[in-house]
PDB file of N, CA and C in Angstrom:
ATOM      1  N   UNK A   1       0.836  -1.252   0.021  1.00  0.00           N
ATOM      2  CA  UNK A   1      -0.045   0.002   0.031  1.00  0.00           C
ATOM      3  C   UNK A   1       0.900   1.301   0.019  1.00  0.00           C
ATOM      4  N   UNK A   2       0.530   2.162  -0.785  1.00  0.00           N
ATOM      5  CA  UNK A   2       1.280   3.465  -0.908  1.00  0.00           C
ATOM      6  C   UNK A   2       0.695   4.464   0.082  1.00  0.00           C
ATOM      7  N   UNK A   3       1.617   5.079   0.876  1.00  0.00           N
ATOM      8  CA  UNK A   3       1.089   6.110   1.822  1.00  0.00           C
ATOM      9  C   UNK A   3       0.902   7.389   1.188  1.00  0.00           C
ATOM     10  N   UNK A   4       0.270   8.268   1.917  1.00  0.00           N
ATOM     11  CA  UNK A   4       0.021   9.671   1.372  1.00  0.00           C
ATOM     12  C   UNK A   4       1.385  10.400   1.328  1.00  0.00           C
ATOM     13  N   UNK A   5       2.266  10.148   2.319  1.00  0.00           N
ATOM     14  CA  UNK A   5       3.575  10.713   2.248  1.00  0.00           C
ATOM     15  C   UNK A   5       4.334  10.357   0.981  1.00  0.00           C
ATOM     16  N   UNK A   6       4.281   9.071   0.661  1.00  0.00           N
ATOM     17  CA  UNK A   6       4.911   8.549  -0.534  1.00  0.00           C
ATOM     18  C   UNK A   6       4.371   9.191  -1.825  1.00  0.00           C
ATOM     19  N   UNK A   7       3.079   9.300  -1.765  1.00  0.00           N
ATOM     20  CA  UNK A   7       2.285   9.876  -2.990  1.00  0.00           C
ATOM     21  C   UNK A   7       2.880  11.336  -3.180  1.00  0.00           C
ATOM     22  N   UNK A   8       2.887  12.108  -2.057  1.00  0.00           N
ATOM     23  CA  UNK A   8       3.257  13.475  -2.081  1.00  0.00           C
ATOM     24  C   UNK A   8       4.735  13.654  -2.524  1.00  0.00           C
ATOM     25  N   UNK A   9       5.614  12.865  -1.969  1.00  0.00           N
ATOM     26  CA  UNK A   9       7.032  12.779  -2.355  1.00  0.00           C
ATOM     27  C   UNK A   9       7.198  12.564  -3.857  1.00  0.00           C
ATOM     28  N   UNK A  10       6.493  11.479  -4.376  1.00  0.00           N
ATOM     29  CA  UNK A  10       6.643  11.206  -5.842  1.00  0.00           C
ATOM     30  C   UNK A  10       6.074  12.279  -6.693  1.00  0.00           C
ATOM     31  N   UNK A  11       4.948  12.900  -6.298  1.00  0.00           N
ATOM     32  CA  UNK A  11       4.399  13.987  -7.113  1.00  0.00           C
ATOM     33  C   UNK A  11       5.309  15.145  -7.202  1.00  0.00           C
ATOM     34  N   UNK A  12       5.967  15.553  -6.044  1.00  0.00           N
ATOM     35  CA  UNK A  12       6.877  16.699  -5.978  1.00  0.00           C
ATOM     36  C   UNK A  12       8.125  16.354  -6.917  1.00  0.00           C
ATOM     37  N   UNK A  13       8.671  15.177  -6.676  1.00  0.00           N
ATOM     38  CA  UNK A  13       9.942  14.880  -7.348  1.00  0.00           C
ATOM     39  C   UNK A  13       9.704  14.674  -8.901  1.00  0.00           C
ATOM     40  N   UNK A  14       8.531  14.289  -9.306  1.00  0.00           N
ATOM     41  CA  UNK A  14       8.339  14.076 -10.712  1.00  0.00           C
ATOM     42  C   UNK A  14       7.544  15.204 -11.449  1.00  0.00           C
ATOM     43  N   UNK A  15       6.706  15.993 -10.715  1.00  0.00           N
ATOM     44  CA  UNK A  15       6.015  17.000 -11.352  1.00  0.00           C
ATOM     45  C   UNK A  15       6.327  18.475 -11.077  1.00  0.00           C
ATOM     46  N   UNK A  16       6.866  18.665  -9.859  1.00  0.00           N
ATOM     47  CA  UNK A  16       7.173  20.099  -9.553  1.00  0.00           C
ATOM     48  C   UNK A  16       8.389  20.190  -8.668  1.00  0.00           C
ATOM     49  N   UNK A  17       9.519  19.599  -9.006  1.00  0.00           N
ATOM     50  CA  UNK A  17      10.665  19.530  -8.061  1.00  0.00           C
ATOM     51  C   UNK A  17      11.287  20.911  -7.722  1.00  0.00           C
ATOM     52  N   UNK A  18      11.130  21.869  -8.540  1.00  0.00           N
ATOM     53  CA  UNK A  18      11.807  23.161  -8.240  1.00  0.00           C
ATOM     54  C   UNK A  18      10.923  24.193  -7.496  1.00  0.00           C
ATOM     55  N   UNK A  19       9.610  24.036  -7.498  1.00  0.00           N
ATOM     56  CA  UNK A  19       8.714  25.051  -6.921  1.00  0.00           C
ATOM     57  C   UNK A  19       7.547  24.347  -6.251  1.00  0.00           C
ATOM     58  N   UNK A  20       7.594  24.305  -4.932  1.00  0.00           N
ATOM     59  CA  UNK A  20       6.460  23.601  -4.222  1.00  0.00           C
ATOM     60  C   UNK A  20       6.441  24.184  -2.803  1.00  0.00           C
ATOM     61  N   UNK A  21       5.257  23.985  -2.182  1.00  0.00           N
ATOM     62  CA  UNK A  21       4.986  24.259  -0.757  1.00  0.00           C
ATOM     63  C   UNK A  21       4.389  23.116  -0.120  1.00  0.00           C
ATOM     64  N   UNK A  22       5.065  22.444   0.826  1.00  0.00           N
ATOM     65  CA  UNK A  22       4.431  21.377   1.562  1.00  0.00           C
ATOM     66  C   UNK A  22       3.386  21.993   2.487  1.00  0.00           C
ATOM     67  N   UNK A  23       3.568  23.116   3.049  1.00  0.00           N
ATOM     68  CA  UNK A  23       2.608  23.787   3.955  1.00  0.00           C
ATOM     69  C   UNK A  23       1.310  24.055   3.179  1.00  0.00           C
ATOM     70  N   UNK A  24       1.352  24.538   1.958  1.00  0.00           N
ATOM     71  CA  UNK A  24       0.141  24.916   1.181  1.00  0.00           C
ATOM     72  C   UNK A  24      -0.447  23.746   0.373  1.00  0.00           C
ATOM     73  N   UNK A  25       0.430  22.729   0.158  1.00  0.00           N
ATOM     74  CA  UNK A  25      -0.186  21.542  -0.579  1.00  0.00           C
ATOM     75  C   UNK A  25      -0.134  21.685  -2.069  1.00  0.00           C
ATOM     76  N   UNK A  26       0.793  22.531  -2.682  1.00  0.00           N
ATOM     77  CA  UNK A  26       0.766  22.598  -4.019  1.00  0.00           C
ATOM     78  C   UNK A  26       2.167  22.988  -4.622  1.00  0.00           C
ATOM     79  N   UNK A  27       2.301  22.797  -5.925  1.00  0.00           N
ATOM     80  CA  UNK A  27       3.601  23.183  -6.538  1.00  0.00           C
ATOM     81  C   UNK A  27       3.241  23.758  -7.909  1.00  0.00           C
ATOM     82  N   UNK A  28       4.276  24.218  -8.570  1.00  0.00           N
ATOM     83  CA  UNK A  28       4.060  24.772  -9.962  1.00  0.00           C
ATOM     84  C   UNK A  28       4.874  23.960 -11.010  1.00  0.00           C
ATOM     85  N   UNK A  29       4.222  23.757 -12.178  1.00  0.00           N
ATOM     86  CA  UNK A  29       4.827  23.068 -13.184  1.00  0.00           C
ATOM     87  C   UNK A  29       4.473  23.772 -14.511  1.00  0.00           C
ATOM     88  N   UNK A  30       5.378  24.462 -15.084  1.00  0.00           N
ATOM     89  CA  UNK A  30       5.106  25.270 -16.325  1.00  0.00           C
ATOM     90  C   UNK A  30       3.956  26.251 -16.143  1.00  0.00           C
ATOM     91  N   UNK A  31       3.838  26.867 -14.976  1.00  0.00           N
ATOM     92  CA  UNK A  31       2.781  27.829 -14.712  1.00  0.00           C
ATOM     93  C   UNK A  31       1.526  27.324 -14.257  1.00  0.00           C
ATOM     94  N   UNK A  32       1.389  25.955 -14.269  1.00  0.00           N
ATOM     95  CA  UNK A  32       0.171  25.247 -13.809  1.00  0.00           C
ATOM     96  C   UNK A  32       0.374  24.741 -12.457  1.00  0.00           C
ATOM     97  N   UNK A  33      -0.723  24.838 -11.610  1.00  0.00           N
ATOM     98  CA  UNK A  33      -0.745  24.309 -10.258  1.00  0.00           C
ATOM     99  C   UNK A  33      -0.783  22.740 -10.281  1.00  0.00           C
ATOM    100  N   UNK A  34       0.061  22.176  -9.426  1.00  0.00           N
ATOM    101  CA  UNK A  34       0.068  20.742  -9.163  1.00  0.00           C
ATOM    102  C   UNK A  34      -0.414  20.613  -7.681  1.00  0.00           C
ATOM    103  N   UNK A  35      -1.526  20.029  -7.424  1.00  0.00           N
ATOM    104  CA  UNK A  35      -1.985  19.859  -6.065  1.00  0.00           C
ATOM    105  C   UNK A  35      -1.626  18.514  -5.546  1.00  0.00           C
ATOM    106  N   UNK A  36      -1.108  18.389  -4.297  1.00  0.00           N
ATOM    107  CA  UNK A  36      -0.810  17.096  -3.724  1.00  0.00           C
ATOM    108  C   UNK A  36      -1.355  17.104  -2.254  1.00  0.00           C
ATOM    109  N   UNK A  37      -1.401  15.915  -1.654  1.00  0.00           N
ATOM    110  CA  UNK A  37      -1.995  15.886  -0.316  1.00  0.00           C
ATOM    111  C   UNK A  37      -1.340  16.850   0.685  1.00  0.00           C
ATOM    112  N   UNK A  38      -2.085  17.397   1.534  1.00  0.00           N
ATOM    113  CA  UNK A  38      -1.580  18.412   2.477  1.00  0.00           C
ATOM    114  C   UNK A  38      -1.610  17.825   3.829  1.00  0.00           C
ATOM    115  N   UNK A  39      -0.419  17.721   4.469  1.00  0.00           N
ATOM    116  CA  UNK A  39      -0.282  17.187   5.818  1.00  0.00           C
ATOM    117  C   UNK A  39      -0.290  18.277   6.881  1.00  0.00           C
ATOM    118  N   UNK A  40      -0.344  17.824   8.092  1.00  0.00           N
ATOM    119  CA  UNK A  40      -0.231  18.665   9.255  1.00  0.00           C
ATOM    120  C   UNK A  40       1.235  18.952   9.592  1.00  0.00           C
ATOM    121  N   UNK A  41       1.669  20.110   9.702  1.00  0.00           N
ATOM    122  CA  UNK A  41       3.054  20.441  10.033  1.00  0.00           C
ATOM    123  C   UNK A  41       3.299  20.178  11.537  1.00  0.00           C
ATOM    124  N   UNK A  42       4.286  19.272  11.768  1.00  0.00           N
ATOM    125  CA  UNK A  42       4.730  18.892  13.095  1.00  0.00           C
ATOM    126  C   UNK A  42       5.889  19.762  13.622  1.00  0.00           C
ATOM    127  N   UNK A  43       6.766  20.071  12.644  1.00  0.00           N
ATOM    128  CA  UNK A  43       7.995  20.841  13.080  1.00  0.00           C
ATOM    129  C   UNK A  43       8.508  21.637  11.761  1.00  0.00           C
ATOM    130  N   UNK A  44       9.075  22.793  12.130  1.00  0.00           N
ATOM    131  CA  UNK A  44       9.814  23.498  11.065  1.00  0.00           C
ATOM    132  C   UNK A  44      10.856  24.306  11.767  1.00  0.00           C
ATOM    133  N   UNK A  45      12.036  24.299  11.063  1.00  0.00           N
ATOM    134  CA  UNK A  45      13.183  25.024  11.421  1.00  0.00           C
ATOM    135  C   UNK A  45      13.733  25.845  10.335  1.00  0.00           C
ATOM    136  N   UNK A  46      13.964  27.153  10.597  1.00  0.00           N
ATOM    137  CA  UNK A  46      14.426  28.112   9.605  1.00  0.00           C
ATOM    138  C   UNK A  46      15.837  28.572   9.929  1.00  0.00           C
ATOM    139  N   UNK A  47      16.655  28.919   8.934  1.00  0.00           N
ATOM    140  CA  UNK A  47      18.014  29.445   9.176  1.00  0.00           C
ATOM    141  C   UNK A  47      17.895  30.984   9.347  1.00  0.00           C
ATOM    142  N   UNK A  48      19.012  31.641   9.490  1.00  0.00           N
ATOM    143  CA  UNK A  48      19.056  33.023   9.822  1.00  0.00           C
ATOM    144  C   UNK A  48      18.380  33.905   8.686  1.00  0.00           C
ATOM    145  N   UNK A  49      18.372  33.405   7.479  1.00  0.00           N
ATOM    146  CA  UNK A  49      17.847  34.153   6.314  1.00  0.00           C
ATOM    147  C   UNK A  49      16.330  33.837   6.118  1.00  0.00           C
ATOM    148  N   UNK A  50      15.764  33.002   6.959  1.00  0.00           N
ATOM    149  CA  UNK A  50      14.388  32.713   6.798  1.00  0.00           C
ATOM    150  C   UNK A  50      13.998  31.489   6.052  1.00  0.00           C
ATOM    151  N   UNK A  51      14.955  30.775   5.487  1.00  0.00           N
ATOM    152  CA  UNK A  51      14.743  29.710   4.561  1.00  0.00           C
ATOM    153  C   UNK A  51      14.462  28.421   5.464  1.00  0.00           C
ATOM    154  N   UNK A  52      13.435  27.748   5.091  1.00  0.00           N
ATOM    155  CA  UNK A  52      13.128  26.441   5.816  1.00  0.00           C
ATOM    156  C   UNK A  52      14.229  25.446   5.549  1.00  0.00           C
ATOM    157  N   UNK A  53      14.887  24.920   6.581  1.00  0.00           N
ATOM    158  CA  UNK A  53      15.946  23.935   6.395  1.00  0.00           C
ATOM    159  C   UNK A  53      15.531  22.522   6.927  1.00  0.00           C
ATOM    160  N   UNK A  54      14.530  22.490   7.675  1.00  0.00           N
ATOM    161  CA  UNK A  54      13.990  21.204   8.100  1.00  0.00           C
ATOM    162  C   UNK A  54      12.508  21.345   8.465  1.00  0.00           C
ATOM    163  N   UNK A  55      11.728  20.334   8.056  1.00  0.00           N
ATOM    164  CA  UNK A  55      10.225  20.334   8.382  1.00  0.00           C
ATOM    165  C   UNK A  55       9.729  18.884   8.301  1.00  0.00           C
ATOM    166  N   UNK A  56       8.686  18.718   9.101  1.00  0.00           N
ATOM    167  CA  UNK A  56       8.082  17.320   9.212  1.00  0.00           C
ATOM    168  C   UNK A  56       6.561  17.557   9.079  1.00  0.00           C
ATOM    169  N   UNK A  57       5.929  16.685   8.175  1.00  0.00           N
ATOM    170  CA  UNK A  57       4.512  16.783   8.033  1.00  0.00           C
ATOM    171  C   UNK A  57       3.941  15.406   8.311  1.00  0.00           C
ATOM    172  N   UNK A  58       2.686  15.318   8.906  1.00  0.00           N
ATOM    173  CA  UNK A  58       2.012  14.026   9.094  1.00  0.00           C
ATOM    174  C   UNK A  58       0.722  14.130   8.294  1.00  0.00           C
ATOM    175  N   UNK A  59       0.424  12.959   7.676  1.00  0.00           N
ATOM    176  CA  UNK A  59      -0.712  12.885   6.756  1.00  0.00           C
ATOM    177  C   UNK A  59      -1.775  12.058   7.451  1.00  0.00           C
ATOM    178  N   UNK A  60      -3.054  12.116   6.859  1.00  0.00           N
ATOM    179  CA  UNK A  60      -4.196  11.485   7.527  1.00  0.00           C
ATOM    180  C   UNK A  60      -4.023  10.022   7.726  1.00  0.00           C
ATOM    181  N   UNK A  61      -3.207   9.303   6.995  1.00  0.00           N
ATOM    182  CA  UNK A  61      -3.030   7.936   7.239  1.00  0.00           C
ATOM    183  C   UNK A  61      -1.932   7.617   8.244  1.00  0.00           C
ATOM    184  N   UNK A  62      -1.351   8.704   8.803  1.00  0.00           N
ATOM    185  CA  UNK A  62      -0.330   8.507   9.837  1.00  0.00           C
ATOM    186  C   UNK A  62       1.072   8.463   9.309  1.00  0.00           C
ATOM    187  N   UNK A  63       1.251   8.541   8.016  1.00  0.00           N
ATOM    188  CA  UNK A  63       2.577   8.640   7.398  1.00  0.00           C
ATOM    189  C   UNK A  63       3.231   9.992   7.572  1.00  0.00           C
ATOM    190  N   UNK A  64       4.545  10.056   7.509  1.00  0.00           N
ATOM    191  CA  UNK A  64       5.258  11.405   7.605  1.00  0.00           C
ATOM    192  C   UNK A  64       6.142  11.580   6.534  1.00  0.00           C
ATOM    193  N   UNK A  65       6.346  12.911   6.202  1.00  0.00           N
ATOM    194  CA  UNK A  65       7.324  13.308   5.177  1.00  0.00           C
ATOM    195  C   UNK A  65       8.253  14.290   5.801  1.00  0.00           C
ATOM    196  N   UNK A  66       9.446  14.070   5.611  1.00  0.00           N
ATOM    197  CA  UNK A  66      10.500  15.050   6.183  1.00  0.00           C
ATOM    198  C   UNK A  66      11.255  15.666   5.047  1.00  0.00           C
ATOM    199  N   UNK A  67      11.314  17.039   5.147  1.00  0.00           N
ATOM    200  CA  UNK A  67      12.028  17.884   4.177  1.00  0.00           C
ATOM    201  C   UNK A  67      13.227  18.438   4.858  1.00  0.00           C
ATOM    202  N   UNK A  68      14.356  18.293   4.219  1.00  0.00           N
ATOM    203  CA  UNK A  68      15.657  18.833   4.774  1.00  0.00           C
ATOM    204  C   UNK A  68      16.368  19.488   3.595  1.00  0.00           C
ATOM    205  N   UNK A  69      16.987  20.749   3.948  1.00  0.00           N
ATOM    206  CA  UNK A  69      17.614  21.492   2.888  1.00  0.00           C
ATOM    207  C   UNK A  69      19.043  21.748   3.323  1.00  0.00           C
ATOM    208  N   UNK A  70      19.991  21.545   2.397  1.00  0.00           N
ATOM    209  CA  UNK A  70      21.401  21.788   2.742  1.00  0.00           C
ATOM    210  C   UNK A  70      21.769  23.237   2.122  1.00  0.00           C
ATOM    211  N   UNK A  71      22.055  24.172   2.946  1.00  0.00           N
ATOM    212  CA  UNK A  71      22.416  25.484   2.489  1.00  0.00           C
ATOM    213  C   UNK A  71      23.783  25.477   1.746  1.00  0.00           C
ATOM    214  N   UNK A  72      24.660  24.642   2.098  1.00  0.00           N
ATOM    215  CA  UNK A  72      26.013  24.443   1.528  1.00  0.00           C
ATOM    216  C   UNK A  72      25.899  23.954   0.096  1.00  0.00           C
ATOM    217  N   UNK A  73      25.000  22.955  -0.191  1.00  0.00           N
ATOM    218  CA  UNK A  73      24.820  22.454  -1.526  1.00  0.00           C
ATOM    219  C   UNK A  73      23.739  22.887  -2.345  1.00  0.00           C
ATOM    220  N   UNK A  74      22.802  23.718  -1.589  1.00  0.00           N
ATOM    221  CA  UNK A  74      21.619  24.215  -2.142  1.00  0.00           C
ATOM    222  C   UNK A  74      20.681  23.128  -2.887  1.00  0.00           C
ATOM    223  N   UNK A  75      20.537  22.096  -2.104  1.00  0.00           N
ATOM    224  CA  UNK A  75      19.720  20.982  -2.533  1.00  0.00           C
ATOM    225  C   UNK A  75      18.761  20.564  -1.378  1.00  0.00           C
ATOM    226  N   UNK A  76      17.689  19.934  -1.682  1.00  0.00           N
ATOM    227  CA  UNK A  76      16.784  19.501  -0.669  1.00  0.00           C
ATOM    228  C   UNK A  76      16.670  17.911  -0.779  1.00  0.00           C
ATOM    229  N   UNK A  77      16.146  17.323   0.251  1.00  0.00           N
ATOM    230  CA  UNK A  77      15.866  15.889   0.287  1.00  0.00           C
ATOM    231  C   UNK A  77      14.502  15.725   0.904  1.00  0.00           C
ATOM    232  N   UNK A  78      13.677  14.837   0.382  1.00  0.00           N
ATOM    233  CA  UNK A  78      12.424  14.340   0.965  1.00  0.00           C
ATOM    234  C   UNK A  78      12.547  12.939   1.363  1.00  0.00           C
ATOM    235  N   UNK A  79      12.107  12.630   2.545  1.00  0.00           N
ATOM    236  CA  UNK A  79      12.156  11.262   3.048  1.00  0.00           C
ATOM    237  C   UNK A  79      10.833  10.956   3.706  1.00  0.00           C
ATOM    238  N   UNK A  80      10.332   9.716   3.548  1.00  0.00           N
ATOM    239  CA  UNK A  80       9.110   9.311   4.103  1.00  0.00           C
ATOM    240  C   UNK A  80       9.349   8.357   5.314  1.00  0.00           C
ATOM    241  N   UNK A  81       8.371   8.421   6.251  1.00  0.00           N
ATOM    242  CA  UNK A  81       8.508   7.517   7.372  1.00  0.00           C
ATOM    243  C   UNK A  81       7.125   6.985   7.763  1.00  0.00           C
TER     244      UNK A  81
END
């Protein structure tokens, strides 16, 4: 069975990898909205410049998605739990 966190991760990575908001539940692809499941934010940490560097979201099925951003490499990673 695929969890909501896995569905969200897949949609982001395949449809809108460069512009998305886990908090709002949507991303952009070619100027078009891509909507994905919206979870409840459990945690968020920002750096001195206001950029989210770590966040955790829980979905209705109990699955979780963790976002982490490396300021040194300017890349993000999504992991499911």
